[in-house]
Amino acid sequence: MQSAEIELKFPVADPQALQAQLPHLGFHLETPRTFEHNTLFDTPNRDLRAKTQILRLREYGGIHILTHKRIDHTNADTSRYKIRIETETAVSDPHALAEVFAQLGYTPAFIYEKYRTEWSIFDPATNTTPHLVIDETPIGNYVELEGPTDWIDRTLADLHVDPATCLTDSYGKLFLDWKQRAGSPAENLTFAEVSSSVLTPR
């Protein structure tokens, strides 16, 4: 399935307090807090990264999803929102797929983990069902809003979130920024690597 993905994220200090607001705003819990493991594949020369593309294998709640994302060059509204063309499909044998990638020159380049809680809502103004997800990562908690830009703006207002705090950065970029600030030797955004790097004296 291929579609345009429009999203914006912002940091949240208290995910539980935010979740308490959501039912009152009409949101429905779609997936309770679930561990998620992501592997990005690339060539040794990082050819996909140079083209601002990602090839990702995600395990979430026992389901494996293969995703390719690329920039939507036809959309002019790219300064404030993150807009990507996303193609994804379920995968029955992730190990076989990883072997196929290896034979084609694509190997694991970055791993990131989080606990994700998914909420959804029907928006009659746009006749869509956008999503709000809460991601608890090893370097902080973030909310991602995925849906039409008009709905994103209205939801930010409903949640009393300052648009100036919103981000379009990927978790890879957020990790690199954190790594530089913390002086961490961690190579992946996993709970084990981040916690051990924080606890290890430097």
Protein backbone atom coordinates (compact mmCIF):
# COMPACT_ATOMS: atom_id res chain seq x y z
CA MET A 1 0.00 0.00 0.00
CA GLN A 2 1.29 3.46 -0.93
CA SER A 3 0.11 6.72 0.58
CA ALA A 4 1.22 10.21 1.55
CA GLU A 5 2.21 10.37 5.21
CA ILE A 6 1.82 13.77 6.86
CA GLU A 7 3.02 14.04 10.43
CA LEU A 8 4.37 16.29 13.13
CA LYS A 9 5.83 15.34 16.49
CA PHE A 10 6.37 17.13 19.79
CA PRO A 11 8.03 16.16 23.09
CA VAL A 12 5.78 15.33 26.03
CA ALA A 13 6.91 15.28 29.64
CA ASP A 14 3.94 13.33 31.05
CA PRO A 15 2.42 10.81 28.61
CA GLN A 16 -0.10 9.58 31.19
CA ALA A 17 -1.50 13.07 31.77
CA LEU A 18 -1.83 13.63 28.03
CA GLN A 19 -3.58 10.29 27.55
CA ALA A 20 -6.12 11.21 30.21
CA GLN A 21 -7.27 14.09 27.96
CA LEU A 22 -7.71 12.04 24.81
CA PRO A 23 -11.07 10.30 25.44
CA HIS A 24 -12.62 13.69 26.26
CA LEU A 25 -11.47 14.94 22.85
CA GLY A 26 -13.05 11.97 21.06
CA PHE A 27 -9.98 9.76 20.66
CA HIS A 28 -10.24 5.98 20.87
CA LEU A 29 -7.46 3.69 22.04
CA GLU A 30 -6.43 1.58 19.05
CA THR A 31 -3.32 -0.22 20.36
CA PRO A 32 -2.30 -0.28 24.03
CA ARG A 33 1.33 0.37 24.99
CA THR A 34 3.35 -2.10 22.89
CA PHE A 35 7.08 -2.62 22.39
CA GLU A 36 8.37 -1.73 18.91
CA HIS A 37 11.68 -2.70 17.31
CA ASN A 38 12.84 -1.01 14.09
CA THR A 39 15.77 -1.80 11.80
CA LEU A 40 16.81 0.57 9.03
CA PHE A 41 18.67 -1.00 6.12
CA ASP A 42 21.14 0.76 3.82
CA THR A 43 24.26 0.18 1.75
CA PRO A 44 27.73 0.59 3.31
CA ASN A 45 27.93 3.98 1.55
CA ARG A 46 24.52 4.99 2.93
CA ASP A 47 23.05 5.48 -0.53
CA LEU A 48 19.45 5.56 0.72
CA ARG A 49 20.27 8.13 3.38
CA ALA A 50 21.90 10.34 0.73
CA LYS A 51 18.64 10.23 -1.23
CA THR A 52 16.58 10.96 1.93
CA GLN A 53 14.92 7.56 1.73
CA ILE A 54 14.48 4.87 4.34
CA LEU A 55 14.01 1.11 4.11
CA ARG A 56 12.66 -0.13 7.43
CA LEU A 57 11.67 -3.45 8.94
CA ARG A 58 9.45 -2.99 12.00
CA GLU A 59 8.28 -5.53 14.57
CA TYR A 60 5.26 -4.30 16.51
CA GLY A 61 3.01 -6.55 18.53
CA GLY A 62 4.23 -9.67 16.75
CA ILE A 63 3.58 -8.21 13.28
CA HIS A 64 6.44 -7.41 10.89
CA ILE A 65 6.01 -4.52 8.47
CA LEU A 66 8.37 -3.52 5.65
CA THR A 67 8.27 0.20 4.83
CA HIS A 68 9.94 2.41 2.25
CA LYS A 69 9.68 6.19 2.61
CA ARG A 70 10.73 8.97 0.27
CA ILE A 71 10.23 12.73 0.10
CA ASP A 72 7.13 14.00 -1.68
CA HIS A 73 8.74 16.45 -4.09
CA THR A 74 5.33 17.43 -5.53
CA ASN A 75 4.10 18.90 -2.25
CA ALA A 76 5.15 22.47 -1.54
CA ASP A 77 4.01 22.44 2.11
CA THR A 78 7.16 20.78 3.46
CA SER A 79 8.56 23.44 5.78
CA ARG A 80 6.28 22.88 8.77
CA TYR A 81 5.12 19.29 8.34
CA LYS A 82 6.93 16.08 7.58
CA ILE A 83 5.48 14.73 4.34
CA ARG A 84 6.66 11.43 2.86
CA ILE A 85 5.41 8.96 0.29
CA GLU A 86 5.13 5.71 2.20
CA THR A 87 4.90 2.20 0.74
CA GLU A 88 4.50 -0.68 3.15
CA THR A 89 3.47 -4.30 3.39
CA ALA A 90 3.28 -7.04 6.00
CA VAL A 91 6.11 -9.58 6.02
CA SER A 92 5.73 -13.20 7.12
CA ASP A 93 9.45 -14.09 7.35
CA PRO A 94 11.62 -11.10 8.40
CA HIS A 95 14.78 -13.22 8.59
CA ALA A 96 14.43 -14.35 4.99
CA LEU A 97 13.80 -10.77 3.92
CA ALA A 98 16.93 -9.59 5.77
CA GLU A 99 18.93 -12.23 3.89
CA VAL A 100 17.51 -11.00 0.58
CA PHE A 101 18.51 -7.45 1.52
CA ALA A 102 22.03 -8.62 2.41
CA GLN A 103 22.42 -10.27 -0.98
CA LEU A 104 21.35 -7.00 -2.60
CA GLY A 105 23.84 -4.98 -0.55
CA TYR A 106 21.48 -3.67 2.15
CA THR A 107 22.46 -4.42 5.74
CA PRO A 108 21.25 -3.09 9.13
CA ALA A 109 22.41 0.52 9.47
CA PHE A 110 20.48 1.71 12.53
CA ILE A 111 18.21 0.16 15.14
CA TYR A 112 15.73 2.06 17.28
CA GLU A 113 13.26 0.93 19.92
CA LYS A 114 10.27 2.42 21.68
CA TYR A 115 7.02 1.66 23.41
CA ARG A 116 4.14 2.93 21.29
CA THR A 117 0.51 3.61 22.22
CA GLU A 118 -1.86 4.34 19.33
CA TRP A 119 -5.01 6.44 19.43
CA SER A 120 -7.34 7.32 16.55
CA ILE A 121 -10.25 9.66 15.94
CA PHE A 122 -12.74 10.24 13.15
CA ASP A 123 -12.50 13.82 11.88
CA PRO A 124 -15.72 14.83 10.07
CA ALA A 125 -14.14 18.07 8.83
CA THR A 126 -11.74 16.10 6.61
CA ASN A 127 -13.65 12.79 6.50
CA THR A 128 -10.53 10.95 7.64
CA THR A 129 -9.40 8.90 10.64
CA PRO A 130 -6.13 10.49 11.80
CA HIS A 131 -3.86 8.99 14.45
CA LEU A 132 -2.11 10.21 17.55
CA VAL A 133 0.68 7.98 18.84
CA ILE A 134 2.67 8.27 22.02
CA ASP A 135 6.25 7.01 21.72
CA GLU A 136 8.31 6.30 24.83
CA THR A 137 11.90 6.16 23.61
CA PRO A 138 15.20 5.66 25.48
CA ILE A 139 15.90 9.41 25.08
CA GLY A 140 12.48 10.85 25.88
CA ASN A 141 8.77 10.74 25.14
CA TYR A 142 7.19 12.11 21.97
CA VAL A 143 3.75 12.42 20.45
CA GLU A 144 3.26 12.03 16.71
CA LEU A 145 0.20 13.42 14.97
CA GLU A 146 -0.49 11.82 11.60
CA GLY A 147 -3.28 13.16 9.42
CA PRO A 148 -4.36 16.17 7.34
CA THR A 149 -2.51 19.40 8.13
CA ASP A 150 -5.75 21.14 9.17
CA TRP A 151 -6.49 18.38 11.68
CA ILE A 152 -2.94 18.52 13.03
CA ASP A 153 -3.25 22.26 13.67
CA ARG A 154 -6.64 21.89 15.39
CA THR A 155 -5.36 19.03 17.55
CA LEU A 156 -2.33 21.01 18.67
CA ALA A 157 -4.70 23.78 19.76
CA ASP A 158 -7.00 21.31 21.56
CA LEU A 159 -4.01 19.87 23.43
CA HIS A 160 -2.64 23.37 24.18
CA VAL A 161 0.66 22.51 22.49
CA ASP A 162 2.82 25.40 21.32
CA PRO A 163 3.52 24.85 17.58
CA ALA A 164 7.02 26.20 18.20
CA THR A 165 7.83 22.99 20.11
CA CYS A 166 6.90 20.76 17.18
CA LEU A 167 9.48 18.79 15.22
CA THR A 168 9.82 17.06 11.88
CA ASP A 169 13.06 15.29 12.87
CA SER A 170 13.28 11.52 12.55
CA TYR A 171 14.19 9.42 15.56
CA GLY A 172 17.56 8.90 13.93
CA LYS A 173 18.18 12.65 13.90
CA LEU A 174 16.90 13.06 17.47
CA PHE A 175 19.25 10.27 18.54
CA LEU A 176 22.28 11.87 16.86
CA ASP A 177 21.49 15.20 18.53
CA TRP A 178 21.13 13.50 21.92
CA LYS A 179 24.32 11.49 21.35
CA GLN A 180 26.27 14.68 20.70
CA ARG A 181 24.83 16.44 23.76
CA ALA A 182 25.39 13.45 26.04
CA GLY A 183 28.76 12.45 24.61
CA SER A 184 27.37 8.93 24.37
CA PRO A 185 29.15 6.09 22.52
CA ALA A 186 25.80 4.38 21.78
CA GLU A 187 25.37 3.47 18.11
CA ASN A 188 21.68 2.58 18.21
CA LEU A 189 18.63 4.01 19.91
CA THR A 190 17.93 0.96 22.04
CA PHE A 191 17.12 0.83 25.74
CA ALA A 192 20.15 -1.37 26.42
CA GLU A 193 22.69 0.81 24.59
CA VAL A 194 21.40 4.15 25.86
CA SER A 195 21.08 3.04 29.49
CA SER A 196 24.53 1.43 29.51
CA SER A 197 26.13 4.50 27.92
CA VAL A 198 24.53 6.76 30.52
CA LEU A 199 25.73 4.53 33.37
CA THR A 200 29.26 4.06 32.03
CA PRO A 201 31.70 6.70 33.37
CA ARG A 202 33.53 8.67 30.69
